Amino acid sequence: MARRRLERNLTQAALAEQAGVSKRTVERLEAGEVATQLSVFVRVCRALELVDRLEAFIPEPVPSPVAQLKLQGRTRRRASGSKLAPKKPKKWTWGEP
């Protein structure tokens, strides 16, 4: 926020006045402290013309661990054997090796 404020050549006091918040609030936001209300943060972003970039602050949702397991599918735990019909052994008779 501080970089954007400086790019726009604004003092903290001028930004605070444009956003309708106190100078101390701007100082806290620039220091990385949490705003007491989301609306305060949005006001400052609006004054800095950053509202269209708010989604950059929101991480992409990731599936829960249970959903990740469901997406992977089940892993095989044992072999099922051959699905072809078993070959019948040739009948052995006397005299064959």
C-alpha atoms as a PDB file:
ATOM      1  CA  MET A   1       0.000   0.000   0.000  1.00  0.00           C
ATOM      2  CA  ALA A   2       2.793   2.384   0.829  1.00  0.00           C
ATOM      3  CA  ARG A   3       4.384   1.861  -2.581  1.00  0.00           C
ATOM      4  CA  ARG A   4       1.099   2.569  -4.341  1.00  0.00           C
ATOM      5  CA  ARG A   5       0.540   5.653  -2.178  1.00  0.00           C
ATOM      6  CA  LEU A   6       3.997   6.941  -3.059  1.00  0.00           C
ATOM      7  CA  GLU A   7       3.440   6.197  -6.764  1.00  0.00           C
ATOM      8  CA  ARG A   8       0.375   8.422  -6.580  1.00  0.00           C
ATOM      9  CA  ASN A   9       2.438  11.066  -4.711  1.00  0.00           C
ATOM     10  CA  LEU A  10       0.146  11.063  -1.662  1.00  0.00           C
ATOM     11  CA  THR A  11       1.042  11.624   1.957  1.00  0.00           C
ATOM     12  CA  GLN A  12      -0.459   9.357   4.578  1.00  0.00           C
ATOM     13  CA  ALA A  13      -2.610  12.258   5.735  1.00  0.00           C
ATOM     14  CA  ALA A  14      -3.883  12.960   2.206  1.00  0.00           C
ATOM     15  CA  LEU A  15      -4.704   9.283   1.659  1.00  0.00           C
ATOM     16  CA  ALA A  16      -6.470   9.104   5.002  1.00  0.00           C
ATOM     17  CA  GLU A  17      -8.566  12.150   4.091  1.00  0.00           C
ATOM     18  CA  GLN A  18      -9.505  10.705   0.679  1.00  0.00           C
ATOM     19  CA  ALA A  19     -10.418   7.356   2.231  1.00  0.00           C
ATOM     20  CA  GLY A  20     -12.306   8.893   5.131  1.00  0.00           C
ATOM     21  CA  VAL A  21     -10.166   7.214   7.773  1.00  0.00           C
ATOM     22  CA  SER A  22      -7.626   8.420  10.292  1.00  0.00           C
ATOM     23  CA  LYS A  23      -3.937   8.862   9.476  1.00  0.00           C
ATOM     24  CA  ARG A  24      -3.135   6.301  12.183  1.00  0.00           C
ATOM     25  CA  THR A  25      -5.295   3.755  10.329  1.00  0.00           C
ATOM     26  CA  VAL A  26      -3.267   4.294   7.156  1.00  0.00           C
ATOM     27  CA  GLU A  27      -0.046   3.921   9.166  1.00  0.00           C
ATOM     28  CA  ARG A  28      -1.277   0.630  10.617  1.00  0.00           C
ATOM     29  CA  LEU A  29      -2.324  -0.746   7.247  1.00  0.00           C
ATOM     30  CA  GLU A  30       1.030   0.130   5.713  1.00  0.00           C
ATOM     31  CA  ALA A  31       2.797  -1.514   8.643  1.00  0.00           C
ATOM     32  CA  GLY A  32       0.878  -4.719   7.951  1.00  0.00           C
ATOM     33  CA  GLU A  33      -1.344  -4.527  10.984  1.00  0.00           C
ATOM     34  CA  VAL A  34      -4.878  -5.808  10.635  1.00  0.00           C
ATOM     35  CA  ALA A  35      -7.657  -3.314   9.992  1.00  0.00           C
ATOM     36  CA  THR A  36     -10.388  -3.359  12.591  1.00  0.00           C
ATOM     37  CA  GLN A  37     -13.008  -3.483   9.862  1.00  0.00           C
ATOM     38  CA  LEU A  38     -12.927  -4.773   6.327  1.00  0.00           C
ATOM     39  CA  SER A  39     -14.738  -1.650   5.176  1.00  0.00           C
ATOM     40  CA  VAL A  40     -11.764   0.470   6.302  1.00  0.00           C
ATOM     41  CA  PHE A  41      -9.406  -1.623   4.208  1.00  0.00           C
ATOM     42  CA  VAL A  42     -11.723  -1.362   1.205  1.00  0.00           C
ATOM     43  CA  ARG A  43     -11.979   2.419   1.619  1.00  0.00           C
ATOM     44  CA  VAL A  44      -8.205   2.773   1.491  1.00  0.00           C
ATOM     45  CA  CYS A  45      -7.974   0.410  -1.498  1.00  0.00           C
ATOM     46  CA  ARG A  46     -10.654   2.424  -3.253  1.00  0.00           C
ATOM     47  CA  ALA A  47      -8.737   5.671  -2.636  1.00  0.00           C
ATOM     48  CA  LEU A  48      -5.609   4.031  -4.082  1.00  0.00           C
ATOM     49  CA  GLU A  49      -7.607   2.636  -7.030  1.00  0.00           C
ATOM     50  CA  LEU A  50      -6.777  -0.926  -6.001  1.00  0.00           C
ATOM     51  CA  VAL A  51     -10.316  -2.291  -5.694  1.00  0.00           C
ATOM     52  CA  ASP A  52      -9.987  -4.234  -8.947  1.00  0.00           C
ATOM     53  CA  ARG A  53      -6.944  -6.015  -7.464  1.00  0.00           C
ATOM     54  CA  LEU A  54      -8.619  -7.133  -4.240  1.00  0.00           C
ATOM     55  CA  GLU A  55      -8.908 -10.674  -5.518  1.00  0.00           C
ATOM     56  CA  ALA A  56      -5.109 -10.880  -5.451  1.00  0.00           C
ATOM     57  CA  PHE A  57      -5.344 -10.859  -1.645  1.00  0.00           C
ATOM     58  CA  ILE A  58      -7.685 -13.851  -1.625  1.00  0.00           C
ATOM     59  CA  PRO A  59      -5.928 -17.207  -2.050  1.00  0.00           C
ATOM     60  CA  GLU A  60      -7.343 -19.797  -4.417  1.00  0.00           C
ATOM     61  CA  PRO A  61      -9.474 -22.298  -2.532  1.00  0.00           C
ATOM     62  CA  VAL A  62      -7.963 -25.745  -2.234  1.00  0.00           C
ATOM     63  CA  PRO A  63      -9.958 -28.917  -1.764  1.00  0.00           C
ATOM     64  CA  SER A  64     -10.201 -30.239   1.762  1.00  0.00           C
ATOM     65  CA  PRO A  65      -8.111 -33.317   2.624  1.00  0.00           C
ATOM     66  CA  VAL A  66     -11.204 -35.514   2.363  1.00  0.00           C
ATOM     67  CA  ALA A  67     -12.052 -34.088  -1.065  1.00  0.00           C
ATOM     68  CA  GLN A  68      -8.448 -34.630  -2.194  1.00  0.00           C
ATOM     69  CA  LEU A  69      -8.686 -38.293  -1.223  1.00  0.00           C
ATOM     70  CA  LYS A  70     -11.935 -38.641  -3.143  1.00  0.00           C
ATOM     71  CA  LEU A  71     -10.355 -37.032  -6.194  1.00  0.00           C
ATOM     72  CA  GLN A  72      -7.442 -39.485  -6.096  1.00  0.00           C
ATOM     73  CA  GLY A  73      -9.706 -42.489  -6.191  1.00  0.00           C
ATOM     74  CA  ARG A  74      -9.153 -45.736  -4.416  1.00  0.00           C
ATOM     75  CA  THR A  75      -5.784 -47.420  -4.466  1.00  0.00           C
ATOM     76  CA  ARG A  76      -5.566 -51.117  -5.058  1.00  0.00           C
ATOM     77  CA  ARG A  77      -4.833 -53.163  -2.001  1.00  0.00           C
ATOM     78  CA  ARG A  78      -4.667 -56.618  -3.554  1.00  0.00           C
ATOM     79  CA  ALA A  79      -4.578 -58.344  -6.920  1.00  0.00           C
ATOM     80  CA  SER A  80      -7.803 -59.657  -8.301  1.00  0.00           C
ATOM     81  CA  GLY A  81      -6.201 -62.402 -10.350  1.00  0.00           C
ATOM     82  CA  SER A  82      -6.571 -63.090 -14.028  1.00  0.00           C
ATOM     83  CA  LYS A  83      -9.974 -62.471 -15.504  1.00  0.00           C
ATOM     84  CA  LEU A  84      -9.299 -64.937 -18.332  1.00  0.00           C
ATOM     85  CA  ALA A  85     -10.572 -68.479 -18.008  1.00  0.00           C
ATOM     86  CA  PRO A  86      -7.920 -70.602 -16.325  1.00  0.00           C
ATOM     87  CA  LYS A  87      -6.049 -72.933 -18.654  1.00  0.00           C
ATOM     88  CA  LYS A  88      -6.828 -76.554 -18.042  1.00  0.00           C
ATOM     89  CA  PRO A  89      -3.670 -78.568 -17.670  1.00  0.00           C
ATOM     90  CA  LYS A  90      -3.064 -81.236 -20.270  1.00  0.00           C
ATOM     91  CA  LYS A  91      -3.912 -84.598 -18.837  1.00  0.00           C
ATOM     92  CA  TRP A  92      -0.744 -86.519 -18.081  1.00  0.00           C
ATOM     93  CA  THR A  93      -0.422 -90.099 -19.157  1.00  0.00           C
ATOM     94  CA  TRP A  94       2.208 -92.799 -18.528  1.00  0.00           C
ATOM     95  CA  GLY A  95       5.196 -92.633 -20.768  1.00  0.00           C
ATOM     96  CA  GLU A  96       5.238 -88.865 -21.301  1.00  0.00           C
ATOM     97  CA  PRO A  97       8.129 -86.836 -19.983  1.00  0.00           C
END
